[in-house]
Amino acid sequence: MIRLLLVEDSAVQREFISLVLEESGEFDIVGTAVDGEKGVEQARLLHPDVILMDCEMPKLDGVAATRAIMETNPTPIVLMTANSVGSEFTFDAIKNGALAVVSKPPAFGSPTFERVAGQLVRTVRLMCEVKVVRRWPVRPPRTPSAPAAKPPVATGSQARAHVVALVGSTGAPGVIAEILTAVGSKSPATFLIVQHMSEGFIAGFALWLTTRTGIPVEIAQDGMLTHAGHGYIAPDGMHMGIGADGRIMLSTESDDDGFRPSGNHLLKSVARAFGRRAIGVLLTGMGRDGAAGLLELQHADGMTVAQNEESSVVFGMPGEAVRLGAAAHVLPPDEIARFITANT
């Protein structure tokens, strides 16, 4: 049984969500907490396998509670919200160490109950397996930091990249924000993003990226013409590709890796349309999605990058790319940003 701590300020919601979890037969709810402060205390006392926590709570909200737990008793955290668009602090909490965000299930008997409740149960089950690490409090440096190493720069026949494809899953939203912030809105490249995320949260993620990074990020539409310095994120349930004319192509065709949107689909499309004028980046996440696509981009003379293991929450996706020999460069997020800047 998975030992779970439920942090939710509404007594009605605590009872309802407890029933949903208990009906799955997979969870032992070892404790509940009525606000963020008590959630932090219960995490310290109970050492649960996973924490399911509301975003909006008194005393400490989801962001502050996530930060405190990850600094003191690192535990896999899944956030819940009643608003699937997601407020900005939902994604701030993910950046501070929470692993995923899910919608609260609607009432029993609702047409969407089975789908939303099933998504919650599956997400919590998967996230409890992630080995999280401690987040240290951010403090100003005591001494000037050493100059950053020069990023690798493509040479020879390699052209400057016009398109950068970013693919991520567990732990990647904050990394994507970090990379886009460092690259900046004056970049001459177009950014195409596939992020595995629970249904309904992509719009909130696009808005959060726009607000936090300064790069306009919007949900892609079929036939949309892309622009330099802008980001386009694959919508729920749709594969995203791009043509040589810079126009977005969306589809619902099946894919071997089981994801839609699929990182493999995006990277293979970028390989065909842009080849050596593209950079593919595979970020932290479970599974293997994106590795085969990154290999195809490498075969098309594109530049290929995987996030390194030390900075990844889950090294599954980038690790598979490394295993396949698909990643010419294996870098932490800050160096990925410098690589993109140097090669676009």
Protein backbone atom coordinates (compact mmCIF):
# COMPACT_ATOMS: atom_id res chain seq x y z
CA MET A 1 0.00 0.00 0.00
CA ILE A 2 1.11 3.54 -0.76
CA ARG A 3 1.29 5.67 2.41
CA LEU A 4 -0.35 8.99 1.59
CA LEU A 5 -0.70 12.30 3.43
CA LEU A 6 -3.73 14.37 2.32
CA VAL A 7 -3.50 18.14 2.84
CA GLU A 8 -6.83 19.88 2.17
CA ASP A 9 -8.55 22.69 4.10
CA SER A 10 -12.12 21.71 3.14
CA ALA A 11 -13.57 18.96 5.33
CA VAL A 12 -16.01 17.97 2.57
CA GLN A 13 -13.20 17.68 0.02
CA ARG A 14 -11.00 15.72 2.46
CA GLU A 15 -13.76 13.16 2.93
CA PHE A 16 -14.58 12.99 -0.78
CA ILE A 17 -10.96 12.65 -1.99
CA SER A 18 -10.26 10.09 0.75
CA LEU A 19 -13.13 7.97 -0.60
CA VAL A 20 -11.81 8.26 -4.17
CA LEU A 21 -8.35 7.13 -3.08
CA GLU A 22 -9.56 4.34 -0.80
CA GLU A 23 -11.82 2.91 -3.51
CA SER A 24 -8.76 2.33 -5.70
CA GLY A 25 -7.41 -0.06 -3.05
CA GLU A 26 -3.87 1.26 -3.52
CA PHE A 27 -3.57 3.90 -0.79
CA ASP A 28 -3.28 3.97 2.98
CA ILE A 29 -4.12 7.51 4.10
CA VAL A 30 -1.79 7.79 7.07
CA GLY A 31 -2.72 11.37 7.90
CA THR A 32 -4.65 14.47 6.93
CA ALA A 33 -3.93 18.16 7.44
CA VAL A 34 -6.22 21.18 7.27
CA ASP A 35 -3.67 23.77 6.13
CA GLY A 36 -0.15 24.13 4.77
CA GLU A 37 1.49 24.59 8.18
CA LYS A 38 0.02 21.36 9.52
CA GLY A 39 0.91 19.66 6.25
CA VAL A 40 4.58 20.52 6.74
CA GLU A 41 4.42 19.24 10.33
CA GLN A 42 2.66 16.00 9.34
CA ALA A 43 5.19 15.36 6.57
CA ARG A 44 7.95 15.59 9.18
CA LEU A 45 6.19 13.26 11.62
CA LEU A 46 4.71 10.65 9.27
CA HIS A 47 7.26 10.35 6.42
CA PRO A 48 4.59 9.41 3.84
CA ASP A 49 5.42 7.92 0.45
CA VAL A 50 3.56 10.76 -1.28
CA ILE A 51 1.67 13.95 -0.40
CA LEU A 52 -1.54 15.01 -2.16
CA MET A 53 -2.02 18.71 -1.43
CA ASP A 54 -4.47 21.46 -2.29
CA CYS A 55 -3.01 24.59 -3.91
CA GLU A 56 -5.03 27.24 -2.10
CA MET A 57 -4.97 26.93 1.70
CA PRO A 58 -4.80 29.16 4.76
CA LYS A 59 -1.60 29.90 6.69
CA LEU A 60 0.68 28.33 4.06
CA ASP A 61 -0.46 27.93 0.46
CA GLY A 62 0.74 25.21 -1.88
CA VAL A 63 3.86 27.11 -2.94
CA ALA A 64 5.11 27.86 0.56
CA ALA A 65 4.21 24.41 1.91
CA THR A 66 5.94 22.70 -1.03
CA ARG A 67 9.06 24.77 -0.51
CA ALA A 68 9.14 24.01 3.25
CA ILE A 69 8.61 20.28 2.76
CA MET A 70 11.25 20.02 0.03
CA GLU A 71 13.76 21.88 2.22
CA THR A 72 13.16 19.80 5.34
CA ASN A 73 11.57 16.41 4.48
CA PRO A 74 11.72 15.94 0.71
CA THR A 75 8.69 13.91 -0.38
CA PRO A 76 6.91 13.41 -3.72
CA ILE A 77 4.15 16.05 -3.85
CA VAL A 78 1.14 16.12 -6.16
CA LEU A 79 -0.92 19.33 -6.19
CA MET A 80 -4.70 19.51 -6.59
CA THR A 81 -6.77 22.40 -7.85
CA ALA A 82 -10.44 22.93 -8.58
CA ASN A 83 -9.50 25.30 -11.41
CA SER A 84 -7.96 23.30 -14.26
CA VAL A 85 -6.59 26.44 -15.93
CA GLY A 86 -4.33 26.68 -12.91
CA SER A 87 -3.34 29.84 -11.10
CA GLU A 88 0.23 31.07 -11.47
CA PHE A 89 1.26 29.79 -8.05
CA THR A 90 0.33 26.24 -9.05
CA PHE A 91 3.28 26.26 -11.45
CA ASP A 92 5.42 28.19 -8.97
CA ALA A 93 4.91 25.25 -6.60
CA ILE A 94 6.00 22.83 -9.35
CA LYS A 95 9.10 24.95 -9.88
CA ASN A 96 9.75 24.62 -6.14
CA GLY A 97 9.67 20.83 -6.24
CA ALA A 98 6.10 19.55 -6.61
CA LEU A 99 5.98 16.86 -9.27
CA ALA A 100 2.56 17.26 -10.87
CA VAL A 101 -0.77 19.07 -10.75
CA VAL A 102 -4.18 17.41 -11.14
CA SER A 103 -7.81 18.48 -11.09
CA LYS A 104 -9.99 17.65 -8.12
CA PRO A 105 -12.61 15.10 -9.20
CA PRO A 106 -16.17 16.33 -9.72
CA ALA A 107 -19.05 14.86 -7.72
CA PHE A 108 -19.98 11.17 -7.95
CA GLY A 109 -22.31 10.70 -10.89
CA SER A 110 -20.75 13.49 -12.95
CA PRO A 111 -20.05 12.47 -16.59
CA THR A 112 -16.36 13.29 -16.09
CA PHE A 113 -15.95 11.71 -12.65
CA GLU A 114 -14.40 8.40 -13.78
CA ARG A 115 -11.90 10.10 -16.13
CA VAL A 116 -10.76 12.82 -13.68
CA ALA A 117 -10.66 10.51 -10.65
CA GLY A 118 -8.73 7.92 -12.66
CA GLN A 119 -6.22 10.56 -13.72
CA LEU A 120 -5.72 11.62 -10.09
CA VAL A 121 -5.15 8.04 -8.92
CA ARG A 122 -2.74 7.24 -11.79
CA THR A 123 -0.74 10.42 -11.24
CA VAL A 124 -0.34 9.90 -7.50
CA ARG A 125 0.61 6.25 -8.05
CA LEU A 126 3.32 7.18 -10.57
CA MET A 127 4.71 10.12 -8.61
CA CYS A 128 5.17 8.13 -5.41
CA GLU A 129 7.96 6.23 -7.20
CA VAL A 130 10.02 9.35 -7.91
CA LYS A 131 13.13 9.70 -5.76
CA VAL A 132 13.06 13.37 -4.86
CA VAL A 133 16.04 15.25 -3.46
CA ARG A 134 16.33 18.02 -0.93
CA ARG A 135 15.91 21.60 -2.10
CA TRP A 136 18.26 23.90 -0.20
CA PRO A 137 17.05 27.39 0.74
CA VAL A 138 18.20 30.01 -1.74
CA ARG A 139 20.87 32.25 -0.21
CA PRO A 140 22.93 35.01 -1.78
CA PRO A 141 26.45 33.84 -2.71
CA ARG A 142 29.19 34.82 -0.27
CA THR A 143 31.81 35.13 -2.94
CA PRO A 144 31.57 35.97 -6.64
CA SER A 145 30.81 32.88 -8.65
CA ALA A 146 33.37 31.58 -11.11
CA PRO A 147 32.90 32.50 -14.77
CA ALA A 148 30.63 30.07 -16.58
CA ALA A 149 32.30 27.66 -18.96
CA LYS A 150 31.89 28.53 -22.61
CA PRO A 151 29.04 26.50 -24.12
CA PRO A 152 29.73 24.12 -26.98
CA VAL A 153 29.30 25.88 -30.33
CA ALA A 154 28.51 23.97 -33.49
CA THR A 155 31.23 24.21 -36.09
CA GLY A 156 31.90 23.13 -39.65
CA SER A 157 28.81 22.67 -41.77
CA GLN A 158 26.41 23.21 -38.86
CA ALA A 159 24.03 26.13 -39.49
CA ARG A 160 22.52 28.41 -36.87
CA ALA A 161 19.32 26.91 -35.51
CA HIS A 162 16.02 28.51 -36.46
CA VAL A 163 13.90 26.17 -34.31
CA VAL A 164 14.40 24.84 -30.79
CA ALA A 165 12.24 21.87 -29.72
CA LEU A 166 11.89 21.33 -25.96
CA VAL A 167 10.39 18.06 -24.69
CA GLY A 168 9.80 17.34 -21.01
CA SER A 169 7.69 15.51 -18.45
CA THR A 170 8.07 15.09 -14.68
CA GLY A 171 10.07 18.00 -13.26
CA ALA A 172 10.36 19.83 -16.58
CA PRO A 173 8.00 22.86 -16.26
CA GLY A 174 10.43 24.77 -14.05
CA VAL A 175 13.37 23.77 -16.25
CA ILE A 176 11.58 25.04 -19.36
CA ALA A 177 10.92 28.34 -17.58
CA GLU A 178 14.57 28.58 -16.52
CA ILE A 179 15.81 27.96 -20.06
CA LEU A 180 13.41 30.40 -21.71
CA THR A 181 14.17 33.10 -19.13
CA ALA A 182 17.91 32.77 -19.73
CA VAL A 183 17.58 32.73 -23.53
CA GLY A 184 15.30 35.77 -23.57
CA SER A 185 12.62 37.16 -25.86
CA LYS A 186 15.14 38.63 -28.31
CA SER A 187 16.19 35.14 -29.41
CA PRO A 188 16.10 34.65 -33.18
CA ALA A 189 14.75 31.12 -32.70
CA THR A 190 11.21 29.73 -32.50
CA PHE A 191 10.51 27.51 -29.47
CA LEU A 192 8.27 24.44 -29.83
CA ILE A 193 7.30 22.76 -26.56
CA VAL A 194 5.83 19.36 -25.71
CA GLN A 195 5.21 18.98 -21.97
CA HIS A 196 3.46 15.90 -20.58
CA MET A 197 0.83 17.31 -18.22
CA SER A 198 -2.60 16.40 -16.88
CA GLU A 199 -5.42 17.41 -19.19
CA GLY A 200 -6.67 20.97 -18.75
CA PHE A 201 -3.51 22.63 -17.46
CA ILE A 202 -1.71 23.57 -20.67
CA ALA A 203 -3.43 26.97 -20.96
CA GLY A 204 -2.33 27.88 -17.43
CA PHE A 205 1.18 26.65 -18.16
CA ALA A 206 1.43 28.78 -21.31
CA LEU A 207 0.26 31.85 -19.39
CA TRP A 208 2.70 31.14 -16.54
CA LEU A 209 5.62 30.77 -18.98
CA THR A 210 4.71 34.04 -20.69
CA THR A 211 4.51 35.85 -17.35
CA ARG A 212 7.65 34.34 -15.85
CA THR A 213 9.97 34.30 -18.87
CA GLY A 214 9.05 37.32 -20.97
CA ILE A 215 8.75 35.09 -24.04
CA PRO A 216 5.21 35.01 -25.48
CA VAL A 217 4.07 31.38 -25.25
CA GLU A 218 0.74 30.29 -26.70
CA ILE A 219 -1.11 27.08 -27.35
CA ALA A 220 -0.39 25.97 -30.90
CA GLN A 221 -3.15 25.97 -33.51
CA ASP A 222 -3.16 24.05 -36.76
CA GLY A 223 -1.75 26.17 -39.60
CA MET A 224 -0.44 28.85 -37.25
CA LEU A 225 2.61 30.70 -38.60
CA THR A 226 5.42 30.71 -36.05
CA HIS A 227 7.62 33.68 -35.20
CA ALA A 228 11.13 34.12 -33.82
CA GLY A 229 11.30 34.82 -30.10
CA HIS A 230 7.92 33.15 -29.49
CA GLY A 231 7.01 29.81 -27.93
CA TYR A 232 4.31 27.37 -29.03
CA ILE A 233 3.11 24.54 -26.82
CA ALA A 234 1.28 21.42 -27.99
CA PRO A 235 -2.39 21.38 -26.91
CA ASP A 236 -4.06 18.59 -24.95
CA GLY A 237 -4.53 15.42 -26.96
CA MET A 238 -2.85 16.70 -30.13
CA HIS A 239 0.52 15.95 -31.71
CA MET A 240 2.42 19.04 -32.82
CA GLY A 241 4.73 19.23 -35.81
CA ILE A 242 6.07 21.98 -38.04
CA GLY A 243 6.49 22.41 -41.77
CA ALA A 244 9.47 23.87 -43.62
CA ASP A 245 7.39 27.04 -44.07
CA GLY A 246 7.29 27.52 -40.29
CA ARG A 247 3.61 26.64 -39.91
CA ILE A 248 2.31 24.46 -37.09
CA MET A 249 0.78 21.11 -38.01
CA LEU A 250 -1.50 19.39 -35.48
CA SER A 251 -2.81 15.83 -35.70
CA THR A 252 -4.49 13.13 -33.63
CA GLU A 253 -2.81 10.15 -35.27
CA SER A 254 -1.71 7.35 -32.95
CA ASP A 255 1.88 7.09 -31.84
CA ASP A 256 3.98 4.11 -30.78
CA ASP A 257 5.14 5.71 -27.52
CA GLY A 258 1.59 6.09 -26.18
CA PHE A 259 1.72 9.86 -25.63
CA ARG A 260 -0.33 12.51 -27.34
CA PRO A 261 1.19 15.06 -27.58
CA SER A 262 4.37 13.11 -28.26
CA GLY A 263 7.91 14.39 -28.03
CA ASN A 264 8.95 11.86 -30.66
CA HIS A 265 6.36 13.24 -33.08
CA LEU A 266 7.60 16.81 -32.60
CA LEU A 267 11.31 15.98 -32.89
CA LYS A 268 10.83 13.83 -36.00
CA SER A 269 8.85 16.62 -37.62
CA VAL A 270 11.55 19.15 -36.76
CA ALA A 271 14.20 16.80 -38.17
CA ARG A 272 12.36 16.54 -41.49
CA ALA A 273 11.57 20.25 -41.81
CA PHE A 274 14.73 21.88 -40.43
CA GLY A 275 17.48 19.27 -40.00
CA ARG A 276 20.78 21.02 -39.22
CA ARG A 277 18.94 24.29 -38.58
CA ALA A 278 17.31 22.86 -35.44
CA ILE A 279 18.14 22.11 -31.81
CA GLY A 280 16.33 19.30 -29.98
CA VAL A 281 16.37 19.28 -26.16
CA LEU A 282 15.12 16.34 -24.08
CA LEU A 283 14.44 17.22 -20.46
CA THR A 284 13.68 15.38 -17.23
CA GLY A 285 10.79 12.93 -17.31
CA MET A 286 9.58 9.37 -16.92
CA GLY A 287 9.69 6.88 -19.75
CA ARG A 288 11.31 7.04 -23.18
CA ASP A 289 9.30 9.60 -25.14
CA GLY A 290 11.53 11.83 -27.25
CA ALA A 291 14.62 9.64 -27.40
CA ALA A 292 13.83 8.12 -30.81
CA GLY A 293 12.91 11.53 -32.18
CA LEU A 294 16.13 13.05 -30.87
CA LEU A 295 18.06 10.28 -32.63
CA GLU A 296 16.26 11.06 -35.90
CA LEU A 297 17.16 14.74 -35.50
CA GLN A 298 20.79 13.76 -34.95
CA HIS A 299 20.73 11.70 -38.15
CA ALA A 300 19.39 14.81 -39.93
CA ASP A 301 22.49 16.74 -38.69
CA GLY A 302 20.51 18.68 -36.11
CA MET A 303 21.96 19.64 -32.73
CA THR A 304 20.85 17.33 -29.91
CA VAL A 305 20.92 17.93 -26.15
CA ALA A 306 19.79 15.92 -23.12
CA GLN A 307 19.48 17.22 -19.58
CA ASN A 308 22.11 15.68 -17.31
CA GLU A 309 21.24 13.17 -14.60
CA GLU A 310 22.36 15.33 -11.68
CA SER A 311 19.82 18.07 -12.46
CA SER A 312 16.96 15.77 -13.58
CA VAL A 313 14.10 14.88 -11.26
CA VAL A 314 13.71 11.70 -13.33
CA PHE A 315 16.47 10.69 -15.76
CA GLY A 316 14.19 8.36 -17.74
CA MET A 317 13.68 10.31 -20.97
CA PRO A 318 17.08 12.00 -21.22
CA GLY A 319 18.74 8.80 -19.97
CA GLU A 320 17.18 6.82 -22.83
CA ALA A 321 18.51 9.40 -25.30
CA VAL A 322 21.97 9.00 -23.82
CA ARG A 323 21.66 5.20 -24.03
CA LEU A 324 20.73 5.44 -27.71
CA GLY A 325 23.62 7.79 -28.44
CA ALA A 326 21.08 10.41 -29.54
CA ALA A 327 22.40 13.26 -27.37
CA ALA A 328 25.53 14.98 -28.66
CA HIS A 329 25.56 17.13 -25.50
CA VAL A 330 24.45 16.26 -21.94
CA LEU A 331 24.08 19.46 -19.93
CA PRO A 332 22.39 21.05 -16.89
CA PRO A 333 19.66 23.65 -17.55
CA ASP A 334 21.86 26.74 -17.31
CA GLU A 335 24.30 25.30 -19.83
CA ILE A 336 21.43 24.22 -22.09
CA ALA A 337 20.32 27.86 -22.20
CA ARG A 338 23.83 29.02 -23.04
CA PHE A 339 24.10 26.36 -25.74
CA ILE A 340 20.86 27.55 -27.33
CA THR A 341 21.99 31.18 -27.22
CA ALA A 342 25.35 30.32 -28.75
CA ASN A 343 23.85 28.30 -31.60
CA THR A 344 20.83 30.37 -32.66
